[in-house]
Amino acid sequence: MTRTHLSLVAVVATGALVVAGCGGKKSSSSTGSDLGSGVVATVAGKPITRASLDQLMKIAELTYKQNKQAFPKPGTTEYQALQQQAAVSLVNQAEYEQ
């Protein structure tokens, strides 16, 4: 693995661990279906938009290409897992900014 790929994996893994450690912190963040259109989550009332998630996925795709790796196809389990990790990363970033 290259350095860039390892960095991306480390960031995503750290985000997943932080969220897992936060347990039931639903009062500060929400990922339910009661969110508005174009919003994938909220953190303390601050929306995390679909556009932000899409932008992070484009960065991930570029990272895969730079590392000469195949990017998962939309709709696959691998793509959904990567998208979930990206969403977790955005939530963690918003929580950190709070």
N, C-alpha and C. Protein backbone atom coordinates (compact mmCIF):
# COMPACT_ATOMS: atom_id res chain seq x y z
N MET A 1 0.84 -1.19 0.00
CA MET A 1 0.00 0.00 0.00
C MET A 1 0.88 1.25 0.00
N THR A 2 0.39 2.28 -0.62
CA THR A 2 1.17 3.50 -0.65
C THR A 2 0.87 4.36 0.56
N ARG A 3 1.67 5.37 0.73
CA ARG A 3 1.54 6.25 1.88
C ARG A 3 0.18 6.95 1.91
N THR A 4 -0.29 7.43 0.75
CA THR A 4 -1.57 8.13 0.67
C THR A 4 -2.72 7.21 1.06
N HIS A 5 -2.68 5.98 0.54
CA HIS A 5 -3.74 5.03 0.86
C HIS A 5 -3.73 4.70 2.35
N LEU A 6 -2.56 4.53 2.92
CA LEU A 6 -2.45 4.25 4.34
C LEU A 6 -2.99 5.41 5.17
N SER A 7 -2.73 6.63 4.73
CA SER A 7 -3.24 7.81 5.44
C SER A 7 -4.76 7.84 5.41
N LEU A 8 -5.34 7.56 4.25
CA LEU A 8 -6.79 7.55 4.12
C LEU A 8 -7.40 6.46 5.00
N VAL A 9 -6.79 5.29 4.99
CA VAL A 9 -7.27 4.18 5.81
C VAL A 9 -7.17 4.55 7.29
N ALA A 10 -6.07 5.18 7.68
CA ALA A 10 -5.89 5.57 9.09
C ALA A 10 -6.95 6.57 9.53
N VAL A 11 -7.25 7.55 8.68
CA VAL A 11 -8.26 8.55 9.02
C VAL A 11 -9.63 7.91 9.17
N VAL A 12 -9.98 7.06 8.22
CA VAL A 12 -11.29 6.40 8.26
C VAL A 12 -11.38 5.47 9.47
N ALA A 13 -10.33 4.71 9.73
CA ALA A 13 -10.34 3.79 10.87
C ALA A 13 -10.46 4.55 12.18
N THR A 14 -9.74 5.66 12.30
CA THR A 14 -9.82 6.48 13.50
C THR A 14 -11.24 7.01 13.69
N GLY A 15 -11.84 7.46 12.60
CA GLY A 15 -13.22 7.95 12.68
C GLY A 15 -14.18 6.89 13.14
N ALA A 16 -14.02 5.69 12.62
CA ALA A 16 -14.90 4.59 13.01
C ALA A 16 -14.72 4.26 14.49
N LEU A 17 -13.49 4.28 14.97
CA LEU A 17 -13.24 3.99 16.38
C LEU A 17 -13.82 5.07 17.29
N VAL A 18 -13.72 6.31 16.88
CA VAL A 18 -14.27 7.39 17.68
C VAL A 18 -15.78 7.27 17.78
N VAL A 19 -16.42 7.01 16.65
CA VAL A 19 -17.88 6.86 16.66
C VAL A 19 -18.29 5.66 17.51
N ALA A 20 -17.58 4.56 17.38
CA ALA A 20 -17.89 3.37 18.18
C ALA A 20 -17.72 3.67 19.66
N GLY A 21 -16.72 4.46 20.00
CA GLY A 21 -16.48 4.81 21.39
C GLY A 21 -17.51 5.78 21.94
N CYS A 22 -18.16 6.54 21.09
CA CYS A 22 -19.16 7.51 21.53
C CYS A 22 -20.48 6.85 21.88
N GLY A 23 -20.68 5.63 21.45
CA GLY A 23 -21.88 4.89 21.82
C GLY A 23 -23.16 5.59 21.46
N GLY A 24 -23.99 5.89 22.42
CA GLY A 24 -25.32 6.45 22.18
C GLY A 24 -25.36 7.95 22.20
N LYS A 25 -24.52 8.61 21.51
CA LYS A 25 -24.45 10.06 21.51
C LYS A 25 -25.42 10.65 20.49
N LYS A 26 -26.65 10.16 20.46
CA LYS A 26 -27.61 10.56 19.44
C LYS A 26 -28.12 11.98 19.62
N SER A 27 -28.00 12.54 20.82
CA SER A 27 -28.48 13.90 21.00
C SER A 27 -27.64 14.91 20.24
N SER A 28 -26.34 14.58 19.98
CA SER A 28 -25.50 15.53 19.27
C SER A 28 -25.41 15.23 17.78
N SER A 29 -25.72 14.01 17.40
CA SER A 29 -25.69 13.70 15.97
C SER A 29 -26.86 12.80 15.63
N SER A 30 -27.31 12.91 14.38
CA SER A 30 -28.46 12.14 13.94
C SER A 30 -28.23 11.67 12.52
N THR A 31 -28.61 10.43 12.24
CA THR A 31 -28.50 9.93 10.88
C THR A 31 -29.79 9.23 10.47
N GLY A 32 -30.90 9.63 11.04
CA GLY A 32 -32.16 8.98 10.77
C GLY A 32 -32.85 9.53 9.53
N SER A 33 -34.02 8.99 9.23
CA SER A 33 -34.75 9.38 8.03
C SER A 33 -35.50 10.70 8.20
N ASP A 34 -35.45 11.31 9.41
CA ASP A 34 -36.14 12.57 9.65
C ASP A 34 -35.33 13.78 9.17
N LEU A 35 -34.24 13.53 8.48
CA LEU A 35 -33.40 14.61 7.97
C LEU A 35 -34.01 15.20 6.71
N GLY A 36 -33.68 16.44 6.45
CA GLY A 36 -34.19 17.12 5.27
C GLY A 36 -33.54 16.60 4.00
N SER A 37 -34.08 17.02 2.90
CA SER A 37 -33.56 16.63 1.60
C SER A 37 -32.14 17.16 1.43
N GLY A 38 -31.24 16.30 0.96
CA GLY A 38 -29.86 16.71 0.75
C GLY A 38 -29.01 16.70 1.99
N VAL A 39 -29.55 16.23 3.11
CA VAL A 39 -28.82 16.16 4.37
C VAL A 39 -28.65 14.70 4.75
N VAL A 40 -27.41 14.29 5.04
CA VAL A 40 -27.15 12.89 5.38
C VAL A 40 -27.02 12.69 6.88
N ALA A 41 -26.73 13.77 7.62
CA ALA A 41 -26.63 13.69 9.08
C ALA A 41 -26.65 15.10 9.65
N THR A 42 -26.87 15.20 10.95
CA THR A 42 -26.74 16.48 11.63
C THR A 42 -25.89 16.27 12.88
N VAL A 43 -25.14 17.28 13.22
CA VAL A 43 -24.33 17.26 14.45
C VAL A 43 -24.63 18.56 15.18
N ALA A 44 -25.27 18.43 16.33
CA ALA A 44 -25.66 19.59 17.14
C ALA A 44 -26.41 20.62 16.29
N GLY A 45 -27.30 20.13 15.45
CA GLY A 45 -28.12 21.01 14.61
C GLY A 45 -27.46 21.44 13.31
N LYS A 46 -26.16 21.15 13.14
CA LYS A 46 -25.46 21.52 11.92
C LYS A 46 -25.61 20.40 10.90
N PRO A 47 -26.16 20.70 9.71
CA PRO A 47 -26.37 19.65 8.72
C PRO A 47 -25.07 19.25 8.02
N ILE A 48 -24.96 17.98 7.72
CA ILE A 48 -23.89 17.45 6.87
C ILE A 48 -24.58 17.10 5.57
N THR A 49 -24.20 17.78 4.51
CA THR A 49 -24.93 17.67 3.25
C THR A 49 -24.47 16.51 2.40
N ARG A 50 -25.36 16.10 1.51
CA ARG A 50 -25.05 15.08 0.51
C ARG A 50 -23.90 15.55 -0.36
N ALA A 51 -23.85 16.86 -0.65
CA ALA A 51 -22.77 17.41 -1.48
C ALA A 51 -21.42 17.21 -0.81
N SER A 52 -21.36 17.38 0.51
CA SER A 52 -20.10 17.16 1.24
C SER A 52 -19.69 15.70 1.17
N LEU A 53 -20.66 14.81 1.31
CA LEU A 53 -20.37 13.38 1.23
C LEU A 53 -19.91 13.01 -0.18
N ASP A 54 -20.58 13.53 -1.19
CA ASP A 54 -20.19 13.25 -2.57
C ASP A 54 -18.78 13.76 -2.86
N GLN A 55 -18.45 14.93 -2.33
CA GLN A 55 -17.12 15.50 -2.54
C GLN A 55 -16.05 14.60 -1.90
N LEU A 56 -16.32 14.11 -0.70
CA LEU A 56 -15.36 13.23 -0.03
C LEU A 56 -15.22 11.91 -0.78
N MET A 57 -16.31 11.42 -1.36
CA MET A 57 -16.25 10.19 -2.15
C MET A 57 -15.41 10.42 -3.42
N LYS A 58 -15.50 11.61 -4.02
CA LYS A 58 -14.68 11.91 -5.20
C LYS A 58 -13.20 11.94 -4.83
N ILE A 59 -12.90 12.47 -3.66
CA ILE A 59 -11.51 12.48 -3.19
C ILE A 59 -11.03 11.05 -2.98
N ALA A 60 -11.88 10.21 -2.39
CA ALA A 60 -11.52 8.81 -2.18
C ALA A 60 -11.28 8.12 -3.52
N GLU A 61 -12.13 8.41 -4.51
CA GLU A 61 -11.96 7.81 -5.83
C GLU A 61 -10.62 8.23 -6.46
N LEU A 62 -10.28 9.50 -6.33
CA LEU A 62 -9.00 9.97 -6.85
C LEU A 62 -7.83 9.29 -6.14
N THR A 63 -7.97 9.08 -4.84
CA THR A 63 -6.93 8.40 -4.07
C THR A 63 -6.75 6.98 -4.56
N TYR A 64 -7.85 6.30 -4.79
CA TYR A 64 -7.79 4.94 -5.32
C TYR A 64 -7.06 4.93 -6.67
N LYS A 65 -7.42 5.88 -7.54
CA LYS A 65 -6.80 5.94 -8.87
C LYS A 65 -5.31 6.23 -8.78
N GLN A 66 -4.93 7.14 -7.88
CA GLN A 66 -3.51 7.46 -7.70
C GLN A 66 -2.73 6.23 -7.24
N ASN A 67 -3.39 5.38 -6.48
CA ASN A 67 -2.76 4.17 -5.97
C ASN A 67 -2.95 2.98 -6.91
N LYS A 68 -3.48 3.27 -8.09
CA LYS A 68 -3.71 2.24 -9.12
C LYS A 68 -4.56 1.08 -8.58
N GLN A 69 -5.62 1.46 -7.85
CA GLN A 69 -6.57 0.48 -7.32
C GLN A 69 -7.94 0.73 -7.93
N ALA A 70 -8.70 -0.33 -8.07
CA ALA A 70 -10.06 -0.21 -8.60
C ALA A 70 -10.97 0.39 -7.53
N PHE A 71 -11.70 1.42 -7.91
CA PHE A 71 -12.66 2.03 -6.99
C PHE A 71 -13.94 1.21 -7.02
N PRO A 72 -14.55 0.95 -5.86
CA PRO A 72 -15.79 0.15 -5.85
C PRO A 72 -16.89 0.79 -6.68
N LYS A 73 -17.66 -0.03 -7.34
CA LYS A 73 -18.77 0.46 -8.16
C LYS A 73 -19.95 0.84 -7.25
N PRO A 74 -20.64 1.95 -7.58
CA PRO A 74 -21.82 2.34 -6.80
C PRO A 74 -22.83 1.19 -6.71
N GLY A 75 -23.41 1.03 -5.54
CA GLY A 75 -24.39 -0.02 -5.32
C GLY A 75 -23.80 -1.28 -4.73
N THR A 76 -22.48 -1.44 -4.81
CA THR A 76 -21.86 -2.63 -4.24
C THR A 76 -21.70 -2.47 -2.73
N THR A 77 -21.52 -3.58 -2.07
CA THR A 77 -21.31 -3.56 -0.63
C THR A 77 -20.05 -2.78 -0.28
N GLU A 78 -19.01 -2.94 -1.09
CA GLU A 78 -17.76 -2.21 -0.84
C GLU A 78 -17.96 -0.70 -0.96
N TYR A 79 -18.73 -0.27 -1.96
CA TYR A 79 -19.00 1.15 -2.15
C TYR A 79 -19.80 1.69 -0.97
N GLN A 80 -20.82 0.94 -0.56
CA GLN A 80 -21.64 1.38 0.57
C GLN A 80 -20.83 1.48 1.85
N ALA A 81 -19.90 0.54 2.06
CA ALA A 81 -19.04 0.58 3.24
C ALA A 81 -18.14 1.81 3.20
N LEU A 82 -17.58 2.10 2.05
CA LEU A 82 -16.72 3.28 1.89
C LEU A 82 -17.52 4.56 2.10
N GLN A 83 -18.74 4.58 1.58
CA GLN A 83 -19.60 5.75 1.75
C GLN A 83 -19.96 5.94 3.23
N GLN A 84 -20.21 4.85 3.93
CA GLN A 84 -20.51 4.92 5.36
C GLN A 84 -19.31 5.46 6.13
N GLN A 85 -18.12 4.99 5.77
CA GLN A 85 -16.90 5.47 6.42
C GLN A 85 -16.70 6.96 6.15
N ALA A 86 -17.01 7.41 4.96
CA ALA A 86 -16.89 8.83 4.62
C ALA A 86 -17.88 9.65 5.45
N ALA A 87 -19.09 9.15 5.61
CA ALA A 87 -20.09 9.85 6.41
C ALA A 87 -19.64 9.94 7.87
N VAL A 88 -19.09 8.85 8.39
CA VAL A 88 -18.58 8.84 9.76
C VAL A 88 -17.47 9.88 9.90
N SER A 89 -16.62 9.96 8.92
CA SER A 89 -15.53 10.93 8.95
C SER A 89 -16.07 12.36 8.99
N LEU A 90 -17.10 12.64 8.20
CA LEU A 90 -17.70 13.98 8.19
C LEU A 90 -18.36 14.29 9.53
N VAL A 91 -19.01 13.31 10.13
CA VAL A 91 -19.64 13.51 11.45
C VAL A 91 -18.56 13.79 12.47
N ASN A 92 -17.48 13.01 12.45
CA ASN A 92 -16.39 13.23 13.40
C ASN A 92 -15.78 14.62 13.25
N GLN A 93 -15.61 15.04 12.01
CA GLN A 93 -15.04 16.36 11.75
C GLN A 93 -15.97 17.44 12.33
N ALA A 94 -17.26 17.30 12.13
CA ALA A 94 -18.22 18.28 12.65
C ALA A 94 -18.23 18.28 14.17
N GLU A 95 -18.13 17.08 14.77
CA GLU A 95 -18.08 17.00 16.23
C GLU A 95 -16.81 17.64 16.76
N TYR A 96 -15.70 17.43 16.08
CA TYR A 96 -14.44 18.03 16.49
C TYR A 96 -14.53 19.56 16.41
N GLU A 97 -15.13 20.07 15.36
CA GLU A 97 -15.27 21.51 15.19
C GLU A 97 -16.15 22.13 16.27
N GLN A 98 -17.05 21.36 16.83
CA GLN A 98 -17.92 21.86 17.91
C GLN A 98 -17.08 22.09 19.15
